Protein backbone atom coordinates (compact mmCIF):
# COMPACT_ATOMS: atom_id res chain seq x y z
CA MET A 1 61.97 50.07 -90.31
CA GLU A 2 63.77 51.96 -87.00
CA ARG A 3 60.44 52.54 -85.61
CA SER A 4 58.82 49.15 -86.38
CA TRP A 5 61.68 47.40 -85.16
CA ALA A 6 61.94 49.91 -81.59
CA ARG A 7 57.87 48.67 -81.34
CA THR A 8 58.60 44.75 -81.59
CA GLU A 9 62.00 43.07 -81.50
CA GLU A 10 63.44 45.38 -78.68
CA PRO A 11 60.27 46.07 -76.39
CA ARG A 12 59.99 41.94 -76.71
CA ARG A 13 63.68 41.42 -75.40
CA ARG A 14 63.27 44.00 -72.95
CA GLY A 15 59.50 43.01 -71.77
CA GLY A 16 56.66 45.40 -71.57
CA ASP A 17 58.38 47.06 -68.38
CA GLY A 18 60.95 47.88 -70.20
CA ARG A 19 63.94 45.30 -67.85
CA GLU A 20 65.32 42.71 -69.32
CA GLY A 21 65.20 39.37 -69.14
CA GLY A 22 60.94 40.23 -69.97
CA GLY A 23 58.29 38.58 -72.43
CA THR A 24 59.23 35.09 -72.65
CA GLY A 25 55.70 33.97 -71.83
CA ASP A 26 56.94 31.59 -68.95
CA PRO A 27 54.08 31.95 -66.69
CA ARG A 28 55.73 30.88 -64.10
CA ALA A 29 57.49 34.50 -64.30
CA GLY A 30 53.92 35.85 -64.26
CA GLU A 31 53.33 36.35 -68.26
CA PRO A 32 51.48 34.65 -69.98
CA PRO A 33 52.29 32.48 -72.69
CA PRO A 34 52.70 34.85 -76.51
CA ILE A 35 48.91 33.96 -78.68
CA ALA A 36 50.03 31.80 -81.63
CA LEU A 37 49.07 33.54 -85.49
CA HIS A 38 47.76 31.49 -88.19
CA TRP A 39 47.61 32.50 -91.61
CA HIS A 40 45.75 31.97 -94.78
CA GLY A 41 47.69 29.67 -96.65
CA GLU A 42 49.59 28.07 -94.54
CA ALA A 43 46.98 25.71 -93.42
CA ASP A 44 45.20 23.39 -95.18
CA PRO A 45 41.94 23.74 -96.52
CA ASP A 46 42.06 20.14 -97.50
CA ALA A 47 42.14 18.50 -94.43
CA ASP A 48 40.03 16.20 -92.81
CA ARG A 49 38.23 17.79 -89.79
CA ALA A 50 38.66 15.72 -86.13
CA TRP A 51 36.13 13.43 -85.42
CA LEU A 52 35.28 11.49 -82.12
CA VAL A 53 31.98 10.24 -84.16
CA LYS A 54 32.47 11.30 -87.61
CA ASN A 55 29.93 13.22 -88.46
CA LEU A 56 28.24 14.03 -85.20
CA VAL A 57 30.56 14.80 -82.33
CA TYR A 58 33.85 16.39 -82.58
CA GLU A 59 37.39 14.97 -81.77
CA ARG A 60 37.40 18.22 -78.51
CA GLY A 61 34.66 20.14 -77.71
CA ARG A 62 31.85 20.37 -75.91
CA GLY A 63 28.25 19.37 -76.94
CA LEU A 64 24.93 18.77 -74.64
CA THR A 65 22.28 15.86 -74.62
CA ALA A 66 19.48 17.43 -74.09
CA GLY A 67 15.59 16.49 -73.30
CA GLN A 68 12.48 16.12 -71.21
CA TRP A 69 12.49 13.85 -68.83
CA GLY A 70 12.48 10.06 -69.78
CA THR A 71 13.57 10.48 -73.38
CA GLY A 72 17.15 8.26 -72.27
CA LYS A 73 19.13 11.17 -72.06
CA THR A 74 21.47 9.05 -70.14
CA PHE A 75 20.85 5.82 -72.12
CA ALA A 76 22.09 7.41 -75.03
CA ALA A 77 25.47 9.39 -73.63
CA LEU A 78 26.23 5.49 -71.70
CA ASP A 79 25.25 3.85 -75.69
CA LEU A 80 28.34 6.54 -76.95
CA SER A 81 30.61 6.24 -74.15
CA ALA A 82 30.28 1.82 -75.44
CA SER A 83 30.53 3.15 -78.98
CA VAL A 84 33.92 5.27 -78.51
CA MET A 85 35.53 2.29 -76.00
CA THR A 86 34.51 -0.23 -78.58
CA GLY A 87 34.74 1.36 -82.08
CA GLU A 88 31.35 0.23 -82.60
CA ARG A 89 29.06 3.13 -85.10
CA PHE A 90 27.30 4.67 -82.68
CA ALA A 91 23.74 6.47 -84.21
CA GLY A 92 24.76 4.54 -87.49
CA ARG A 93 27.57 6.90 -87.40
CA LYS A 94 31.73 6.15 -87.74
CA VAL A 95 33.39 6.29 -84.67
CA MET A 96 36.93 7.49 -85.52
CA ARG A 97 38.84 7.92 -81.92
CA THR A 98 38.36 5.55 -79.86
CA GLY A 99 39.59 5.67 -75.64
CA GLY A 100 38.14 5.70 -71.85
CA VAL A 101 35.81 7.49 -71.27
CA LEU A 102 35.20 9.85 -67.70
CA PHE A 103 31.24 10.10 -66.34
CA ILE A 104 30.91 12.79 -63.54
CA ALA A 105 27.58 11.93 -62.31
CA PRO A 106 27.22 14.56 -59.30
CA GLU A 107 22.83 13.26 -59.37
CA GLY A 108 21.95 9.31 -60.20
CA ALA A 109 25.39 8.01 -59.66
CA PHE A 110 24.00 4.63 -57.44
CA GLU A 111 22.48 3.61 -61.01
CA ILE A 112 25.92 3.28 -63.62
CA PRO A 113 27.24 -0.27 -62.11
CA VAL A 114 23.36 -1.22 -63.31
CA ARG A 115 23.47 0.06 -66.20
CA LEU A 116 26.68 -0.44 -66.80
CA ARG A 117 25.34 -3.79 -66.44
CA GLY A 118 22.77 -3.74 -68.92
CA LEU A 119 24.79 -1.76 -71.40
CA VAL A 120 27.26 -5.34 -71.74
CA GLU A 121 24.48 -7.87 -71.39
CA GLY A 122 22.06 -5.83 -74.06
CA LYS A 123 24.65 -4.50 -76.57
CA LEU A 124 28.38 -5.27 -75.85
CA ARG A 125 27.87 -9.26 -75.26
CA GLY A 126 26.80 -9.90 -78.34
CA VAL A 127 29.53 -7.42 -80.04
CA ALA A 128 32.16 -9.37 -78.50
CA ALA A 129 30.57 -12.87 -79.99
CA GLN A 130 30.90 -11.48 -83.39
CA ARG A 131 34.45 -10.47 -83.32
CA ALA A 132 35.48 -13.65 -81.67
CA ALA A 133 33.90 -15.78 -84.55
CA ALA A 134 35.16 -12.65 -87.42
CA GLY A 135 38.26 -14.08 -85.13
CA VAL A 136 39.03 -10.17 -83.90
CA PRO A 137 39.64 -9.37 -80.61
CA PRO A 138 36.67 -9.12 -78.38
CA PRO A 139 36.54 -5.73 -75.69
CA ASP A 140 36.90 -7.19 -71.93
CA LEU A 141 33.62 -7.03 -71.12
CA ASP A 142 34.88 -7.49 -67.32
CA ALA A 143 37.17 -4.59 -67.42
CA LEU A 144 36.41 -1.85 -69.82
CA PRO A 145 38.11 1.30 -69.66
CA PHE A 146 34.99 3.60 -68.19
CA ALA A 147 35.73 5.50 -64.04
CA TRP A 148 33.15 7.41 -62.67
CA ILE A 149 33.14 10.74 -59.86
CA GLU A 150 30.34 11.26 -58.07
CA GLU A 151 30.86 14.68 -56.96
CA CYS A 152 31.36 17.89 -59.30
CA PRO A 153 32.77 21.57 -57.82
CA PRO A 154 30.44 23.81 -59.20
CA LEU A 155 31.70 25.00 -62.11
CA ALA A 156 29.62 28.53 -62.47
CA ARG A 157 32.11 29.12 -59.95
CA ARG A 158 35.11 30.88 -61.19
CA GLY A 159 38.60 28.85 -60.63
CA ALA A 160 36.50 25.46 -60.06
CA VAL A 161 37.53 23.52 -62.96
CA HIS A 162 41.34 22.91 -61.98
CA ARG A 163 40.42 20.47 -59.44
CA LEU A 164 37.46 18.65 -61.67
CA ILE A 165 40.99 19.02 -64.59
CA ALA A 166 43.45 17.05 -61.74
CA ALA A 167 40.67 14.43 -61.68
CA ALA A 168 40.09 13.84 -65.10
CA HIS A 169 44.30 14.23 -65.63
CA ALA A 170 44.29 11.79 -62.98
CA SER A 171 41.77 8.90 -64.56
CA ALA A 172 43.24 9.53 -68.44
CA ASP A 173 46.62 8.84 -66.37
CA ALA A 174 44.71 5.56 -64.84
CA MET A 175 43.39 5.10 -68.02
CA HIS A 176 46.18 5.16 -70.41
CA GLU A 177 48.79 2.48 -67.67
CA ARG A 178 45.78 0.02 -66.96
CA PHE A 179 44.62 -0.63 -70.76
CA GLY A 180 46.82 1.84 -72.88
CA VAL A 181 44.36 4.10 -73.80
CA GLU A 182 43.44 8.17 -73.46
CA LEU A 183 40.91 9.47 -72.61
CA VAL A 184 39.04 11.27 -75.47
CA LEU A 185 35.60 11.21 -73.61
CA VAL A 186 34.12 12.78 -70.20
CA ILE A 187 30.42 13.12 -69.58
CA LEU A 188 29.02 15.37 -67.06
CA ASP A 189 25.66 14.24 -66.07
CA THR A 190 23.34 16.99 -65.08
CA VAL A 191 24.68 20.33 -66.50
CA ALA A 192 22.57 21.54 -63.54
CA ALA A 193 23.62 19.30 -60.52
CA GLY A 194 26.81 19.95 -61.53
CA ALA A 195 27.12 23.91 -62.84
CA GLY A 196 25.84 24.91 -58.90
CA PHE A 197 23.65 28.03 -60.49
CA GLU A 198 22.60 30.70 -58.92
CA ASP A 199 20.44 32.37 -61.49
CA GLU A 200 20.31 29.34 -63.79
CA ASN A 201 18.39 31.62 -66.10
CA SER A 202 22.02 33.82 -65.74
CA ALA A 203 23.35 34.58 -69.26
CA ALA A 204 26.38 35.45 -67.01
CA GLU A 205 26.64 31.94 -64.73
CA THR A 206 25.92 29.85 -67.92
CA GLN A 207 28.99 31.21 -70.11
CA ARG A 208 30.92 30.39 -67.24
CA VAL A 209 29.98 26.66 -67.35
CA MET A 210 29.99 26.31 -71.04
CA ASP A 211 33.56 28.10 -70.46
CA ALA A 212 34.79 25.92 -68.20
CA MET A 213 33.55 22.86 -70.42
CA GLY A 214 35.74 23.90 -73.21
CA GLU A 215 38.64 24.37 -70.25
CA LEU A 216 38.04 20.63 -69.18
CA SER A 217 38.13 19.44 -72.64
CA ARG A 218 41.11 21.74 -73.83
CA ALA A 219 43.43 20.51 -71.16
CA THR A 220 42.42 16.78 -71.60
CA GLY A 221 42.16 16.52 -75.06
CA ALA A 222 38.39 14.81 -74.87
CA PHE A 223 34.84 15.57 -76.04
CA VAL A 224 32.81 16.95 -72.69
CA MET A 225 29.70 16.14 -72.94
CA GLY A 226 27.08 17.62 -70.88
CA VAL A 227 23.63 16.15 -70.40
CA ASP A 228 20.81 18.46 -70.07
CA HIS A 229 17.45 18.90 -69.21
CA PHE A 230 14.62 20.76 -72.11
CA GLY A 231 12.64 23.35 -70.21
CA LYS A 232 8.55 22.97 -69.56
CA LEU A 233 7.86 23.27 -73.32
CA VAL A 234 10.25 21.35 -75.83
CA GLU A 235 9.95 24.57 -78.22
CA THR A 236 12.46 26.80 -76.14
CA GLY A 237 15.49 23.72 -76.15
CA THR A 238 17.71 23.50 -73.28
CA ARG A 239 16.42 24.89 -69.89
CA GLY A 240 17.50 27.72 -68.43
CA SER A 241 19.88 30.77 -70.50
CA SER A 242 19.75 30.54 -74.14
CA ALA A 243 23.82 30.55 -73.72
CA LYS A 244 24.30 27.32 -73.44
CA GLU A 245 23.44 25.89 -77.12
CA VAL A 246 24.68 28.81 -78.31
CA GLY A 247 28.57 27.98 -77.27
CA ALA A 248 28.16 24.79 -77.46
CA ASP A 249 29.98 22.77 -80.63
CA VAL A 250 27.15 20.13 -80.47
CA VAL A 251 23.79 19.79 -79.62
CA LEU A 252 21.85 16.43 -79.48
CA ALA A 253 17.93 16.58 -78.44
CA LEU A 254 16.41 13.45 -77.56
CA LEU A 255 12.59 13.79 -78.30
CA ALA A 256 9.93 11.74 -77.63
CA THR A 257 5.55 11.69 -77.96
CA ARG A 258 4.50 11.63 -74.14
CA THR A 259 1.55 10.95 -72.89
CA GLU A 260 0.01 12.25 -69.90
CA ALA A 261 0.24 9.33 -68.08
CA GLY A 262 3.90 9.28 -68.76
CA GLU A 263 4.07 6.90 -71.92
CA VAL A 264 6.80 7.19 -74.07
CA SER A 265 6.73 6.92 -77.33
CA ASN A 266 7.77 7.31 -80.88
CA THR A 267 11.68 8.60 -79.48
CA ARG A 268 14.36 9.38 -81.24
CA MET A 269 17.34 11.49 -81.20
CA ALA A 270 17.69 15.45 -83.45
CA VAL A 271 20.87 16.68 -84.18
CA ARG A 272 20.19 20.12 -83.69
CA LYS A 273 23.30 21.43 -83.83
CA VAL A 274 27.09 20.62 -85.28
CA ARG A 275 29.53 22.92 -85.89
CA GLY A 276 30.25 22.85 -89.81
CA ALA A 277 28.02 19.05 -90.40
CA PRO A 278 24.07 18.72 -91.50
CA ALA A 279 21.96 19.04 -89.20
CA GLY A 280 18.37 19.31 -88.62
CA TYR A 281 17.41 15.51 -88.81
CA GLU A 282 16.54 12.32 -87.02
CA ILE A 283 17.40 9.15 -85.67
CA PRO A 284 14.50 7.44 -84.49
CA PHE A 285 15.73 4.66 -81.27
CA GLU A 286 13.82 2.26 -79.17
CA LEU A 287 14.44 2.26 -74.97
CA GLN A 288 14.62 -1.87 -75.48
CA VAL A 289 14.21 -3.33 -71.43
CA VAL A 290 17.20 -5.50 -70.25
CA PRO A 291 17.33 -7.38 -67.34
CA VAL A 292 20.14 -7.47 -65.03
CA GLY A 293 19.47 -9.49 -61.90
CA GLU A 294 16.64 -9.80 -59.10
CA ASP A 295 16.75 -8.39 -55.97
CA GLY A 296 17.06 -8.72 -52.51
CA ASP A 297 13.49 -9.85 -52.97
CA GLY A 298 13.98 -12.27 -55.54
CA GLU A 299 12.07 -9.05 -57.75
CA PRO A 300 13.16 -8.94 -61.21
CA VAL A 301 16.46 -5.76 -61.55
CA THR A 302 16.16 -4.29 -65.38
CA THR A 303 18.27 -1.04 -66.90
CA CYS A 304 17.63 -0.54 -70.48
CA VAL A 305 19.97 0.39 -73.27
CA VAL A 306 19.30 1.97 -77.07
CA GLN A 307 18.73 0.19 -79.88
CA TRP A 308 19.34 2.78 -83.50
CA LYS A 309 16.43 1.83 -85.55
CA LEU A 310 18.38 2.32 -88.48
CA GLY A 311 18.68 -0.54 -91.45
CA ALA A 312 21.53 -1.38 -93.90
CA GLY A 313 22.25 1.84 -95.96
CA ALA A 314 19.59 3.95 -94.19
CA GLU A 315 19.79 7.39 -94.00
CA PRO A 316 18.89 9.38 -90.96
CA ARG A 317 14.97 10.83 -91.91
CA PRO A 318 14.79 14.62 -91.57
CA ALA A 319 13.59 16.08 -88.78
CA ALA A 320 9.62 16.54 -88.81
CA VAL A 321 8.08 20.02 -88.82
CA ARG A 322 7.76 21.90 -85.74
CA GLU A 323 4.30 21.84 -84.04
CA ARG A 324 3.00 24.82 -84.10
CA TRP A 325 0.80 24.39 -81.06
CA PRO A 326 2.43 23.00 -77.79
CA GLN A 327 0.80 20.07 -75.90
CA SER A 328 0.01 22.47 -72.99
CA LEU A 329 -2.60 23.87 -75.88
CA ARG A 330 -3.68 20.88 -76.83
CA ILE A 331 -7.87 20.89 -74.90
CA PHE A 332 -7.87 24.08 -76.31
CA ARG A 333 -7.41 23.37 -79.37
CA THR A 334 -9.38 21.02 -79.89
CA ALA A 335 -12.77 23.45 -77.89
CA LEU A 336 -11.45 25.76 -80.65
CA SER A 337 -11.23 23.51 -83.47
CA VAL A 338 -15.22 22.07 -82.48
CA ALA A 339 -16.62 25.95 -81.81
CA LEU A 340 -15.62 26.71 -85.14
CA VAL A 341 -17.29 23.63 -87.02
CA GLU A 342 -20.41 24.48 -84.36
CA HIS A 343 -20.87 27.77 -83.95
CA GLY A 344 -18.49 29.47 -86.19
CA ALA A 345 -19.12 32.43 -89.09
CA LEU A 346 -17.66 33.79 -91.58
CA VAL A 347 -17.14 37.56 -90.95
CA ARG A 348 -14.71 40.51 -91.75
CA PRO A 349 -13.07 41.46 -88.74
CA PHE A 350 -10.90 44.15 -90.14
CA GLY A 351 -13.93 45.86 -91.94
CA ALA A 352 -15.55 45.47 -95.16
CA GLY A 353 -12.16 45.22 -96.91
CA GLY A 354 -10.82 42.98 -94.48
CA PRO A 355 -9.49 39.24 -94.79
CA GLU A 356 -12.58 37.40 -94.45
CA VAL A 357 -12.20 34.57 -91.87
CA ARG A 358 -14.10 32.31 -89.80
CA ALA A 359 -14.99 33.24 -86.33
CA VAL A 360 -16.73 32.17 -83.42
CA LYS A 361 -17.77 34.05 -79.77
CA GLU A 362 -15.51 33.95 -76.76
CA THR A 363 -18.19 32.52 -74.74
CA ALA A 364 -19.18 29.29 -77.13
CA LEU A 365 -15.57 29.30 -77.03
CA ARG A 366 -15.09 29.11 -73.55
CA TRP A 367 -18.17 26.97 -72.67
CA GLU A 368 -16.80 24.14 -75.10
CA PHE A 369 -13.66 23.94 -73.35
CA LEU A 370 -15.10 23.81 -69.98
CA ARG A 371 -16.84 21.13 -71.01
CA ALA A 372 -13.79 19.33 -71.90
CA TYR A 373 -11.30 20.26 -69.33
CA PRO A 374 -10.41 18.00 -66.30
CA ALA A 375 -10.83 19.17 -63.31
CA GLY A 376 -10.09 18.19 -59.46
CA GLY A 377 -12.01 20.28 -56.77
CA GLU A 378 -14.23 19.22 -53.20
CA ASP A 379 -17.59 20.47 -54.81
CA GLU A 380 -18.18 21.89 -57.82
CA ALA A 381 -17.83 25.73 -57.21
CA LYS A 382 -13.91 24.84 -56.82
CA ARG A 383 -14.18 22.98 -60.18
CA THR A 384 -15.29 25.42 -62.04
CA GLU A 385 -12.84 28.34 -61.21
CA ALA A 386 -9.84 25.49 -62.03
CA LYS A 387 -11.61 25.24 -65.12
CA ARG A 388 -12.50 29.45 -65.48
CA LYS A 389 -8.41 30.33 -65.03
CA ALA A 390 -7.37 27.46 -66.72
CA PHE A 391 -9.71 28.77 -69.59
CA ALA A 392 -7.66 31.96 -69.15
CA ARG A 393 -4.06 30.93 -68.82
CA ALA A 394 -4.75 28.32 -72.29
CA LEU A 395 -6.41 31.96 -74.31
CA ARG A 396 -4.01 34.03 -72.83
CA THR A 397 -0.78 31.47 -74.10
CA ALA A 398 -2.61 31.03 -76.89
CA LEU A 399 -2.86 34.46 -78.29
CA ASP A 400 0.88 36.20 -77.28
CA LYS A 401 2.23 32.90 -79.15
CA GLY A 402 0.10 33.94 -82.16
CA LEU A 403 -1.89 30.91 -82.51
CA VAL A 404 -5.21 32.73 -82.47
CA ALA A 405 -6.02 36.10 -82.95
CA ALA A 406 -8.82 38.28 -81.42
CA ARG A 407 -11.36 41.58 -82.34
CA GLU A 408 -14.11 42.75 -81.16
CA ILE A 409 -16.89 42.90 -82.99
CA GLY A 410 -20.86 44.09 -82.60
CA GLY A 411 -19.61 44.52 -78.82
CA VAL A 412 -19.03 40.90 -77.77
CA ASP A 413 -15.34 39.27 -78.60
CA HIS A 414 -14.42 37.05 -81.23
CA LEU A 415 -11.71 34.48 -82.05
CA TRP A 416 -10.07 33.00 -85.46
CA THR A 417 -6.84 30.37 -85.91
CA VAL A 418 -3.91 32.84 -87.46
CA GLY A 419 -2.41 30.57 -90.07
CA GLU A 420 -4.56 27.78 -90.86
CA PRO A 421 -7.49 26.25 -92.49
CA ASP A 422 -9.66 26.65 -89.99
CA GLY A 423 -8.98 29.77 -90.08
CA ARG A 424 -9.76 30.58 -93.62
CA ASP A 425 -6.00 32.92 -93.00
CA ALA A 426 -3.66 32.03 -94.68
C-alpha cells in the first residue's frame, strides 16, 4: 500500500518532476489536463445516442457528403442546413437538434446567395405557409441563422485549425446574440479546397485534415460535414487517401446515372457509413429547378433544391448491387458480348480436366471494339492509332480488375468473361 501510494498521490501532489504544486493539469502551467477515466457500469447503456439527424448525422463529429460533379453535393448540404435551421425532416429523418449553420466556402462562395434564395423560395416558403396555417410560428425567411466565410486556413498544416475555430466561435456568439440559437452544423465545401493538400493521396496529410475537422467539432460542439469529390471511378469512393472515409463518422454518397453528354438522372443519396446505425441503403431524390429572378439582360436566373422522393411512411430502398463493370469499360463490354456470340467457341483453356468456358480470339474482340469505339483525328491513321490504344487500355483494365481472363490456346490468345453467364464461368 505504501508503494502504491508513493506511485500515485505523492507524485501527483508534487508533480512529475517532484516539485511542490505540480500536476494541476492547468495548461497555463505547461501541463496538459488529466485524461478522464470512464468505468463499466457507471455509464447508462440504454441512453440514446446524441443525434443531429436521427440515425444519420451525429450531434457532434465529422463526416463527408461526397459524389461526382453534377450529383447535387452542395445542394444536399444546403438542404441539411435548412433542416437543422427549421427543424424540418432531412431525407425523411427527424431532426433532433436545431440551430445555426456556418458554411465554409473556399470555392464557389459567389453561388451561396443565389442558392439560399432558391432554398427559401423553392422549399422554405412552403414550410412557413404550412406552419402559419397550423398556428405554429414560421421561420423568419428574411433572416436565417446562416453565416459563411470565403476562406479556410489550409487544414493539412499543423495548427491551422485554430484560426478556423476562432471564426467559428465568433459566428456562434453572433448566432446566440441575434437569433438565440447555438451553432450546430459546420459545412466545409469542399474538403480539397480547404485542406491545402501537397499530396492528396498522402494518408498522413489526410489524417491531419480529418483530425482538424474533429478538433473543430469538439471546440464548437457542432457537427462538421465536409463536401468532397469522388475519384474518376465511383467504386473507389472519395478522391485521394482512404483515410478520409476511415476517419469519418458519417459518409453520405450522392450518386447518379450520367451519360457521356453529361445528362444526370436517377439521383439518390447512399448512406455508406454511420457509426452505430444502419447503413448501405439509398434515398432517392430529384434536383428541382427553381427560378430566382433575372439577370441584367433579362435572362432568367435559376438554381436547384433537393426534393426527397419518399412517400408517406416509405422506407429508403436498399442499395443496388454494385455494378462490376465500370462505365469506362462499357464499349469494351459490349464488344466482348457481341464477339462471344458471333465468334466465340467452347474451349477448355486449362486442359481436358479443367472447366469449359465460351471464349473468343483476341483478334475478333479487337475488331469488334475498333468498329464500336468512336475516335477523332485528322486522318485515318491517327484515328486507327487512337482506337488501338483505347483497346489496349480497356483490355488491360478489364484484366487487372478480374473481369476477363486470358489464355493462349494453340498459339492464339483467347479471352472470356469471369463470373458471368456469357462466359459460362460460375
